[in-house]
C-alpha atoms as a PDB file:
ATOM      1  CA  UNK A   1      90.101  -5.947 -56.434  1.00  0.00           C
ATOM      2  CA  UNK A   2      87.778  -5.509 -53.443  1.00  0.00           C
ATOM      3  CA  UNK A   3      84.819  -4.757 -55.733  1.00  0.00           C
ATOM      4  CA  UNK A   4      85.528  -7.885 -57.753  1.00  0.00           C
ATOM      5  CA  UNK A   5      85.576 -10.068 -54.634  1.00  0.00           C
ATOM      6  CA  UNK A   6      82.350  -8.467 -53.376  1.00  0.00           C
ATOM      7  CA  UNK A   7      80.644  -9.076 -56.724  1.00  0.00           C
ATOM      8  CA  UNK A   8      81.699 -12.703 -56.763  1.00  0.00           C
ATOM      9  CA  UNK A   9      80.478 -13.195 -53.215  1.00  0.00           C
ATOM     10  CA  UNK A  10      77.084 -11.708 -54.079  1.00  0.00           C
ATOM     11  CA  UNK A  11      76.792 -13.945 -57.125  1.00  0.00           C
ATOM     12  CA  UNK A  12      77.731 -16.980 -55.012  1.00  0.00           C
ATOM     13  CA  UNK A  13      75.153 -16.025 -52.375  1.00  0.00           C
ATOM     14  CA  UNK A  14      72.399 -15.595 -54.983  1.00  0.00           C
ATOM     15  CA  UNK A  15      73.272 -18.895 -56.650  1.00  0.00           C
ATOM     16  CA  UNK A  16      73.454 -20.759 -53.296  1.00  0.00           C
ATOM     17  CA  UNK A  17      70.644 -23.263 -52.626  1.00  0.00           C
ATOM     18  CA  UNK A  18      70.783 -24.309 -48.969  1.00  0.00           C
ATOM     19  CA  UNK A  19      69.926 -27.881 -47.969  1.00  0.00           C
ATOM     20  CA  UNK A  20      67.159 -27.109 -45.453  1.00  0.00           C
ATOM     21  CA  UNK A  21      66.679 -30.730 -44.298  1.00  0.00           C
ATOM     22  CA  UNK A  22      70.373 -31.086 -43.514  1.00  0.00           C
ATOM     23  CA  UNK A  23      70.502 -27.785 -41.680  1.00  0.00           C
ATOM     24  CA  UNK A  24      67.394 -28.692 -39.591  1.00  0.00           C
ATOM     25  CA  UNK A  25      68.999 -32.012 -38.684  1.00  0.00           C
ATOM     26  CA  UNK A  26      72.175 -30.193 -37.580  1.00  0.00           C
ATOM     27  CA  UNK A  27      70.095 -27.746 -35.496  1.00  0.00           C
ATOM     28  CA  UNK A  28      68.243 -30.592 -33.790  1.00  0.00           C
ATOM     29  CA  UNK A  29      71.503 -32.473 -33.114  1.00  0.00           C
ATOM     30  CA  UNK A  30      73.004 -29.329 -31.652  1.00  0.00           C
ATOM     31  CA  UNK A  31      70.018 -28.785 -29.338  1.00  0.00           C
ATOM     32  CA  UNK A  32      69.842 -32.470 -28.222  1.00  0.00           C
ATOM     33  CA  UNK A  33      73.526 -32.946 -27.355  1.00  0.00           C
ATOM     34  CA  UNK A  34      76.579 -30.994 -26.238  1.00  0.00           C
ATOM     35  CA  UNK A  35      78.323 -29.031 -28.913  1.00  0.00           C
ATOM     36  CA  UNK A  36      81.652 -30.414 -30.069  1.00  0.00           C
ATOM     37  CA  UNK A  37      84.300 -27.836 -30.439  1.00  0.00           C
ATOM     38  CA  UNK A  38      86.953 -28.410 -33.148  1.00  0.00           C
ATOM     39  CA  UNK A  39      90.361 -26.992 -32.827  1.00  0.00           C
ATOM     40  CA  UNK A  40      90.959 -24.557 -35.678  1.00  0.00           C
ATOM     41  CA  UNK A  41      94.268 -24.280 -37.474  1.00  0.00           C
ATOM     42  CA  UNK A  42      96.118 -21.017 -36.959  1.00  0.00           C
ATOM     43  CA  UNK A  43      95.985 -18.565 -39.839  1.00  0.00           C
ATOM     44  CA  UNK A  44      99.112 -17.383 -41.494  1.00  0.00           C
ATOM     45  CA  UNK A  45     100.142 -13.959 -40.402  1.00  0.00           C
ATOM     46  CA  UNK A  46     100.770 -12.597 -43.868  1.00  0.00           C
ATOM     47  CA  UNK A  47      98.817  -9.491 -44.877  1.00  0.00           C
ATOM     48  CA  UNK A  48      97.240 -11.019 -47.996  1.00  0.00           C
ATOM     49  CA  UNK A  49      95.994 -14.124 -46.215  1.00  0.00           C
ATOM     50  CA  UNK A  50      94.511 -12.061 -43.363  1.00  0.00           C
ATOM     51  CA  UNK A  51      92.616  -9.825 -45.818  1.00  0.00           C
ATOM     52  CA  UNK A  52      91.304 -12.798 -47.790  1.00  0.00           C
ATOM     53  CA  UNK A  53      90.264 -14.548 -44.583  1.00  0.00           C
ATOM     54  CA  UNK A  54      88.325 -11.432 -43.456  1.00  0.00           C
ATOM     55  CA  UNK A  55      86.528 -11.133 -46.813  1.00  0.00           C
ATOM     56  CA  UNK A  56      85.743 -14.845 -46.821  1.00  0.00           C
ATOM     57  CA  UNK A  57      84.337 -14.658 -43.317  1.00  0.00           C
ATOM     58  CA  UNK A  58      82.142 -11.681 -44.286  1.00  0.00           C
ATOM     59  CA  UNK A  59      80.847 -13.565 -47.290  1.00  0.00           C
ATOM     60  CA  UNK A  60      80.117 -16.672 -45.230  1.00  0.00           C
ATOM     61  CA  UNK A  61      78.246 -14.630 -42.626  1.00  0.00           C
ATOM     62  CA  UNK A  62      76.178 -12.944 -45.294  1.00  0.00           C
ATOM     63  CA  UNK A  63      75.427 -16.244 -46.990  1.00  0.00           C
ATOM     64  CA  UNK A  64      74.607 -17.942 -43.686  1.00  0.00           C
ATOM     65  CA  UNK A  65      72.323 -15.040 -42.684  1.00  0.00           C
ATOM     66  CA  UNK A  66      70.371 -15.308 -45.917  1.00  0.00           C
ATOM     67  CA  UNK A  67      70.199 -19.093 -45.585  1.00  0.00           C
ATOM     68  CA  UNK A  68      69.019 -18.977 -41.985  1.00  0.00           C
ATOM     69  CA  UNK A  69      66.427 -16.305 -42.834  1.00  0.00           C
ATOM     70  CA  UNK A  70      65.102 -18.461 -45.655  1.00  0.00           C
ATOM     71  CA  UNK A  71      64.979 -21.515 -43.404  1.00  0.00           C
ATOM     72  CA  UNK A  72      63.141 -19.668 -40.610  1.00  0.00           C
ATOM     73  CA  UNK A  73      60.632 -18.195 -43.083  1.00  0.00           C
ATOM     74  CA  UNK A  74      59.998 -21.569 -44.704  1.00  0.00           C
ATOM     75  CA  UNK A  75      59.826 -23.410 -41.369  1.00  0.00           C
ATOM     76  CA  UNK A  76      57.238 -20.967 -39.919  1.00  0.00           C
ATOM     77  CA  UNK A  77      54.959 -21.714 -42.906  1.00  0.00           C
ATOM     78  CA  UNK A  78      55.400 -25.457 -43.406  1.00  0.00           C
ATOM     79  CA  UNK A  79      56.940 -27.203 -40.342  1.00  0.00           C
ATOM     80  CA  UNK A  80      57.288 -26.925 -36.576  1.00  0.00           C
ATOM     81  CA  UNK A  81      60.474 -27.992 -34.824  1.00  0.00           C
ATOM     82  CA  UNK A  82      59.761 -29.833 -31.542  1.00  0.00           C
ATOM     83  CA  UNK A  83      62.310 -29.145 -28.848  1.00  0.00           C
ATOM     84  CA  UNK A  84      62.781 -31.985 -26.333  1.00  0.00           C
ATOM     85  CA  UNK A  85      61.510 -31.078 -22.826  1.00  0.00           C
ATOM     86  CA  UNK A  86      64.674 -32.274 -21.138  1.00  0.00           C
ATOM     87  CA  UNK A  87      66.105 -29.840 -18.587  1.00  0.00           C
ATOM     88  CA  UNK A  88      69.444 -28.377 -19.762  1.00  0.00           C
ATOM     89  CA  UNK A  89      71.128 -29.533 -16.602  1.00  0.00           C
ATOM     90  CA  UNK A  90      70.159 -33.166 -17.268  1.00  0.00           C
ATOM     91  CA  UNK A  91      70.763 -33.097 -21.055  1.00  0.00           C
ATOM     92  CA  UNK A  92      74.057 -31.234 -20.995  1.00  0.00           C
ATOM     93  CA  UNK A  93      75.639 -32.915 -17.999  1.00  0.00           C
ATOM     94  CA  UNK A  94      77.826 -35.923 -18.855  1.00  0.00           C
ATOM     95  CA  UNK A  95      77.223 -37.378 -15.403  1.00  0.00           C
ATOM     96  CA  UNK A  96      73.550 -36.912 -14.405  1.00  0.00           C
ATOM     97  CA  UNK A  97      72.980 -36.924 -10.665  1.00  0.00           C
ATOM     98  CA  UNK A  98      70.472 -39.496  -9.399  1.00  0.00           C
ATOM     99  CA  UNK A  99      67.956 -38.383  -6.761  1.00  0.00           C
ATOM    100  CA  UNK A 100      68.638 -39.715  -3.289  1.00  0.00           C
ATOM    101  CA  UNK A 101      65.694 -41.178  -1.319  1.00  0.00           C
ATOM    102  CA  UNK A 102      64.632 -39.129   1.683  1.00  0.00           C
ATOM    103  CA  UNK A 103      65.245 -41.082   4.904  1.00  0.00           C
ATOM    104  CA  UNK A 104      62.064 -41.857   6.809  1.00  0.00           C
ATOM    105  CA  UNK A 105      62.225 -41.898  10.601  1.00  0.00           C
ATOM    106  CA  UNK A 106      60.769 -45.073  12.129  1.00  0.00           C
ATOM    107  CA  UNK A 107      57.349 -44.621  13.649  1.00  0.00           C
ATOM    108  CA  UNK A 108      57.414 -44.543  17.386  1.00  0.00           C
ATOM    109  CA  UNK A 109      56.311 -47.772  18.725  1.00  0.00           C
ATOM    110  CA  UNK A 110      53.330 -46.972  20.163  1.00  0.00           C
ATOM    111  CA  UNK A 111      50.568 -49.072  21.560  1.00  0.00           C
ATOM    112  CA  UNK A 112      47.254 -49.560  19.016  1.00  0.00           C
ATOM    113  CA  UNK A 113      44.447 -47.109  20.266  1.00  0.00           C
ATOM    114  CA  UNK A 114      46.728 -44.792  22.291  1.00  0.00           C
ATOM    115  CA  UNK A 115      49.001 -41.457  21.453  1.00  0.00           C
ATOM    116  CA  UNK A 116      51.279 -42.462  24.806  1.00  0.00           C
ATOM    117  CA  UNK A 117      52.900 -45.842  25.718  1.00  0.00           C
ATOM    118  CA  UNK A 118      50.764 -48.065  28.091  1.00  0.00           C
ATOM    119  CA  UNK A 119      52.472 -49.572  31.227  1.00  0.00           C
ATOM    120  CA  UNK A 120      52.186 -53.341  31.704  1.00  0.00           C
ATOM    121  CA  UNK A 121      49.135 -54.465  33.593  1.00  0.00           C
ATOM    122  CA  UNK A 122      49.666 -56.164  36.941  1.00  0.00           C
ATOM    123  CA  UNK A 123      47.254 -58.418  38.738  1.00  0.00           C
ATOM    124  CA  UNK A 124      46.593 -57.412  42.346  1.00  0.00           C
ATOM    125  CA  UNK A 125      47.371 -59.957  45.021  1.00  0.00           C
ATOM    126  CA  UNK A 126      44.261 -61.445  46.637  1.00  0.00           C
ATOM    127  CA  UNK A 127      43.459 -59.949  50.029  1.00  0.00           C
ATOM    128  CA  UNK A 128      43.925 -62.108  53.114  1.00  0.00           C
ATOM    129  CA  UNK A 129      40.188 -61.936  53.883  1.00  0.00           C
ATOM    130  CA  UNK A 130      39.041 -63.272  50.482  1.00  0.00           C
ATOM    131  CA  UNK A 131      37.634 -66.764  49.966  1.00  0.00           C
ATOM    132  CA  UNK A 132      35.916 -68.618  47.137  1.00  0.00           C
ATOM    133  CA  UNK A 133      33.999 -71.905  46.952  1.00  0.00           C
ATOM    134  CA  UNK A 134      31.444 -73.001  44.368  1.00  0.00           C
ATOM    135  CA  UNK A 135      29.028 -70.147  43.685  1.00  0.00           C
ATOM    136  CA  UNK A 136      30.227 -68.195  46.749  1.00  0.00           C
ATOM    137  CA  UNK A 137      32.857 -65.459  47.022  1.00  0.00           C
ATOM    138  CA  UNK A 138      33.567 -63.485  50.203  1.00  0.00           C
ATOM    139  CA  UNK A 139      35.902 -60.817  51.603  1.00  0.00           C
ATOM    140  CA  UNK A 140      36.210 -59.539  55.189  1.00  0.00           C
ATOM    141  CA  UNK A 141      37.585 -56.164  56.331  1.00  0.00           C
ATOM    142  CA  UNK A 142      37.683 -53.764  59.279  1.00  0.00           C
ATOM    143  CA  UNK A 143      35.677 -50.670  58.402  1.00  0.00           C
ATOM    144  CA  UNK A 144      37.952 -47.606  57.957  1.00  0.00           C
ATOM    145  CA  UNK A 145      35.545 -45.516  60.078  1.00  0.00           C
ATOM    146  CA  UNK A 146      36.322 -47.596  63.147  1.00  0.00           C
ATOM    147  CA  UNK A 147      37.850 -45.731  66.116  1.00  0.00           C
ATOM    148  CA  UNK A 148      39.853 -46.588  69.230  1.00  0.00           C
ATOM    149  CA  UNK A 149      36.545 -47.046  71.078  1.00  0.00           C
ATOM    150  CA  UNK A 150      34.290 -48.639  68.467  1.00  0.00           C
ATOM    151  CA  UNK A 151      34.738 -51.155  65.621  1.00  0.00           C
ATOM    152  CA  UNK A 152      32.724 -52.378  62.645  1.00  0.00           C
ATOM    153  CA  UNK A 153      33.638 -55.638  60.908  1.00  0.00           C
ATOM    154  CA  UNK A 154      32.374 -55.911  57.320  1.00  0.00           C
ATOM    155  CA  UNK A 155      31.628 -58.955  55.147  1.00  0.00           C
ATOM    156  CA  UNK A 156      30.962 -58.816  51.395  1.00  0.00           C
ATOM    157  CA  UNK A 157      29.231 -61.961  50.089  1.00  0.00           C
ATOM    158  CA  UNK A 158      28.622 -62.725  46.411  1.00  0.00           C
ATOM    159  CA  UNK A 159      26.735 -65.695  44.976  1.00  0.00           C
ATOM    160  CA  UNK A 160      26.285 -66.667  41.337  1.00  0.00           C
ATOM    161  CA  UNK A 161      23.293 -68.913  42.152  1.00  0.00           C
ATOM    162  CA  UNK A 162      20.132 -68.501  44.266  1.00  0.00           C
ATOM    163  CA  UNK A 163      20.537 -69.764  47.831  1.00  0.00           C
ATOM    164  CA  UNK A 164      17.796 -71.605  49.673  1.00  0.00           C
ATOM    165  CA  UNK A 165      19.817 -71.876  52.888  1.00  0.00           C
ATOM    166  CA  UNK A 166      22.283 -69.339  54.336  1.00  0.00           C
ATOM    167  CA  UNK A 167      24.026 -69.073  57.709  1.00  0.00           C
ATOM    168  CA  UNK A 168      26.609 -66.365  58.499  1.00  0.00           C
ATOM    169  CA  UNK A 169      28.724 -66.215  61.653  1.00  0.00           C
ATOM    170  CA  UNK A 170      31.190 -63.490  62.683  1.00  0.00           C
ATOM    171  CA  UNK A 171      33.420 -64.308  65.651  1.00  0.00           C
ATOM    172  CA  UNK A 172      35.055 -61.369  67.517  1.00  0.00           C
ATOM    173  CA  UNK A 173      37.733 -62.219  70.067  1.00  0.00           C
ATOM    174  CA  UNK A 174      37.012 -60.828  73.530  1.00  0.00           C
ATOM    175  CA  UNK A 175      40.021 -58.590  74.020  1.00  0.00           C
ATOM    176  CA  UNK A 176      38.482 -56.806  76.994  1.00  0.00           C
ATOM    177  CA  UNK A 177      35.527 -54.453  76.910  1.00  0.00           C
ATOM    178  CA  UNK A 178      34.076 -55.925  73.693  1.00  0.00           C
ATOM    179  CA  UNK A 179      30.300 -55.394  73.678  1.00  0.00           C
ATOM    180  CA  UNK A 180      27.805 -55.593  70.843  1.00  0.00           C
ATOM    181  CA  UNK A 181      26.219 -52.346  69.600  1.00  0.00           C
ATOM    182  CA  UNK A 182      24.334 -53.556  66.536  1.00  0.00           C
ATOM    183  CA  UNK A 183      24.249 -55.294  63.153  1.00  0.00           C
ATOM    184  CA  UNK A 184      23.122 -54.423  59.685  1.00  0.00           C
ATOM    185  CA  UNK A 185      22.841 -56.013  56.214  1.00  0.00           C
ATOM    186  CA  UNK A 186      21.745 -55.041  52.712  1.00  0.00           C
ATOM    187  CA  UNK A 187      19.153 -57.850  52.605  1.00  0.00           C
ATOM    188  CA  UNK A 188      15.874 -57.358  54.519  1.00  0.00           C
ATOM    189  CA  UNK A 189      16.393 -57.993  58.241  1.00  0.00           C
ATOM    190  CA  UNK A 190      13.002 -59.758  58.387  1.00  0.00           C
ATOM    191  CA  UNK A 191      14.402 -62.489  56.134  1.00  0.00           C
ATOM    192  CA  UNK A 192      16.873 -63.552  58.872  1.00  0.00           C
ATOM    193  CA  UNK A 193      16.965 -64.667  62.445  1.00  0.00           C
ATOM    194  CA  UNK A 194      19.743 -62.510  63.942  1.00  0.00           C
ATOM    195  CA  UNK A 195      21.370 -63.357  67.287  1.00  0.00           C
ATOM    196  CA  UNK A 196      24.445 -62.324  69.301  1.00  0.00           C
ATOM    197  CA  UNK A 197      26.037 -64.391  72.070  1.00  0.00           C
ATOM    198  CA  UNK A 198      29.348 -65.000  73.845  1.00  0.00           C
ATOM    199  CA  UNK A 199      30.946 -68.417  73.545  1.00  0.00           C
ATOM    200  CA  UNK A 200      34.472 -69.560  74.351  1.00  0.00           C
ATOM    201  CA  UNK A 201      35.959 -66.049  74.725  1.00  0.00           C
ATOM    202  CA  UNK A 202      34.385 -64.758  71.518  1.00  0.00           C
ATOM    203  CA  UNK A 203      31.388 -62.611  70.673  1.00  0.00           C
ATOM    204  CA  UNK A 204      29.376 -64.447  67.974  1.00  0.00           C
ATOM    205  CA  UNK A 205      27.116 -62.539  65.539  1.00  0.00           C
ATOM    206  CA  UNK A 206      24.822 -64.921  63.612  1.00  0.00           C
ATOM    207  CA  UNK A 207      22.427 -64.515  60.628  1.00  0.00           C
ATOM    208  CA  UNK A 208      20.219 -67.472  59.623  1.00  0.00           C
ATOM    209  CA  UNK A 209      17.940 -67.293  56.566  1.00  0.00           C
ATOM    210  CA  UNK A 210      14.378 -68.137  57.522  1.00  0.00           C
ATOM    211  CA  UNK A 211      12.924 -71.370  56.060  1.00  0.00           C
ATOM    212  CA  UNK A 212      11.150 -71.067  52.702  1.00  0.00           C
ATOM    213  CA  UNK A 213      13.011 -67.904  51.670  1.00  0.00           C
ATOM    214  CA  UNK A 214      15.602 -67.586  48.905  1.00  0.00           C
ATOM    215  CA  UNK A 215      18.565 -65.250  48.489  1.00  0.00           C
ATOM    216  CA  UNK A 216      18.834 -64.278  44.790  1.00  0.00           C
ATOM    217  CA  UNK A 217      22.158 -64.349  42.979  1.00  0.00           C
ATOM    218  CA  UNK A 218      24.004 -61.080  43.603  1.00  0.00           C
ATOM    219  CA  UNK A 219      26.341 -59.185  45.932  1.00  0.00           C
ATOM    220  CA  UNK A 220      25.431 -58.401  49.574  1.00  0.00           C
ATOM    221  CA  UNK A 221      26.994 -56.876  52.696  1.00  0.00           C
ATOM    222  CA  UNK A 222      26.784 -57.779  56.373  1.00  0.00           C
ATOM    223  CA  UNK A 223      28.284 -55.861  59.319  1.00  0.00           C
ATOM    224  CA  UNK A 224      28.851 -56.467  63.063  1.00  0.00           C
ATOM    225  CA  UNK A 225      29.320 -53.420  65.344  1.00  0.00           C
ATOM    226  CA  UNK A 226      30.766 -53.414  68.839  1.00  0.00           C
ATOM    227  CA  UNK A 227      32.578 -51.322  71.455  1.00  0.00           C
ATOM    228  CA  UNK A 228      36.133 -52.449  72.096  1.00  0.00           C
ATOM    229  CA  UNK A 229      37.199 -50.590  75.256  1.00  0.00           C
ATOM    230  CA  UNK A 230      39.995 -48.048  75.082  1.00  0.00           C
ATOM    231  CA  UNK A 231      42.951 -48.078  72.703  1.00  0.00           C
ATOM    232  CA  UNK A 232      43.649 -49.470  69.260  1.00  0.00           C
ATOM    233  CA  UNK A 233      42.251 -52.975  68.949  1.00  0.00           C
ATOM    234  CA  UNK A 234      43.856 -55.680  66.822  1.00  0.00           C
ATOM    235  CA  UNK A 235      41.565 -57.781  64.603  1.00  0.00           C
ATOM    236  CA  UNK A 236      43.929 -60.750  64.804  1.00  0.00           C
ATOM    237  CA  UNK A 237      41.893 -63.830  65.739  1.00  0.00           C
ATOM    238  CA  UNK A 238      38.597 -62.401  64.433  1.00  0.00           C
ATOM    239  CA  UNK A 239      36.971 -64.278  61.560  1.00  0.00           C
ATOM    240  CA  UNK A 240      33.822 -65.272  59.710  1.00  0.00           C
ATOM    241  CA  UNK A 241      32.210 -68.375  58.208  1.00  0.00           C
ATOM    242  CA  UNK A 242      29.428 -68.718  55.621  1.00  0.00           C
ATOM    243  CA  UNK A 243      27.487 -71.945  54.947  1.00  0.00           C
ATOM    244  CA  UNK A 244      25.007 -71.994  52.066  1.00  0.00           C
ATOM    245  CA  UNK A 245      22.974 -74.404  49.979  1.00  0.00           C
ATOM    246  CA  UNK A 246      21.251 -74.062  46.600  1.00  0.00           C
ATOM    247  CA  UNK A 247      20.150 -76.022  43.569  1.00  0.00           C
ATOM    248  CA  UNK A 248      23.761 -76.931  42.762  1.00  0.00           C
ATOM    249  CA  UNK A 249      24.537 -78.262  46.259  1.00  0.00           C
ATOM    250  CA  UNK A 250      26.208 -76.841  49.348  1.00  0.00           C
ATOM    251  CA  UNK A 251      29.156 -74.438  49.614  1.00  0.00           C
ATOM    252  CA  UNK A 252      31.151 -72.844  52.405  1.00  0.00           C
ATOM    253  CA  UNK A 253      33.612 -69.945  52.682  1.00  0.00           C
ATOM    254  CA  UNK A 254      35.552 -68.506  55.590  1.00  0.00           C
ATOM    255  CA  UNK A 255      38.183 -65.845  56.266  1.00  0.00           C
ATOM    256  CA  UNK A 256      39.488 -62.997  58.438  1.00  0.00           C
ATOM    257  CA  UNK A 257      38.864 -59.244  58.725  1.00  0.00           C
ATOM    258  CA  UNK A 258      41.681 -57.317  57.069  1.00  0.00           C
ATOM    259  CA  UNK A 259      42.452 -53.820  58.422  1.00  0.00           C
ATOM    260  CA  UNK A 260      41.912 -51.108  55.766  1.00  0.00           C
ATOM    261  CA  UNK A 261      43.547 -48.136  57.539  1.00  0.00           C
END
């Protein structure tokens, strides 16, 4: 009986003509989507049915092996199966996971042109000895090199226009022992008539531009030097005055000498 079944199975395998197109379609469907498992019915536990089922399974495996071998041989000569380039994790997962965007930290607010933050700019308060009028600007100060015995009072004068007339006076209060020791300026001394005198309890230093001369636009310095007795002297009450004239008219500035120490 076993030989008869084997002969019939061989004849069935030789007579079998597999449908290659259908089998290729099933292979492609199996590779593109998840395999569906079917619940098989339980076999009967009788001896005859178990033997027949074993022989049938052997015949099916033999037939399937021959069919698959024929398909592979034919496919390698005539056709190429293209496998989709989808990752197994994405194709086989029923719930694909979407990629989450990477959080980007906000750029530090920095100031354009710098790697560190810039502090707010503040405008300095004008010094007490500063003055401005027309083309003139001036500032008076007590020289930091002054001592308890000797003092120098400085005047910075700026003009934006040429001056054809210029008179500068520095008045130093006579606090006791105040005596002149000299003057100096950044303009040529020969351009001025320079005098020093006492009047009304003050020592007056005076510069007068000589007629026919012109002071060009620019920044200049004038200084009055004097002995002041013994002890620290206060500059309270000291002051200066500048009177000038140019092509745009006359201008005048005045102020005090601000201690710088």
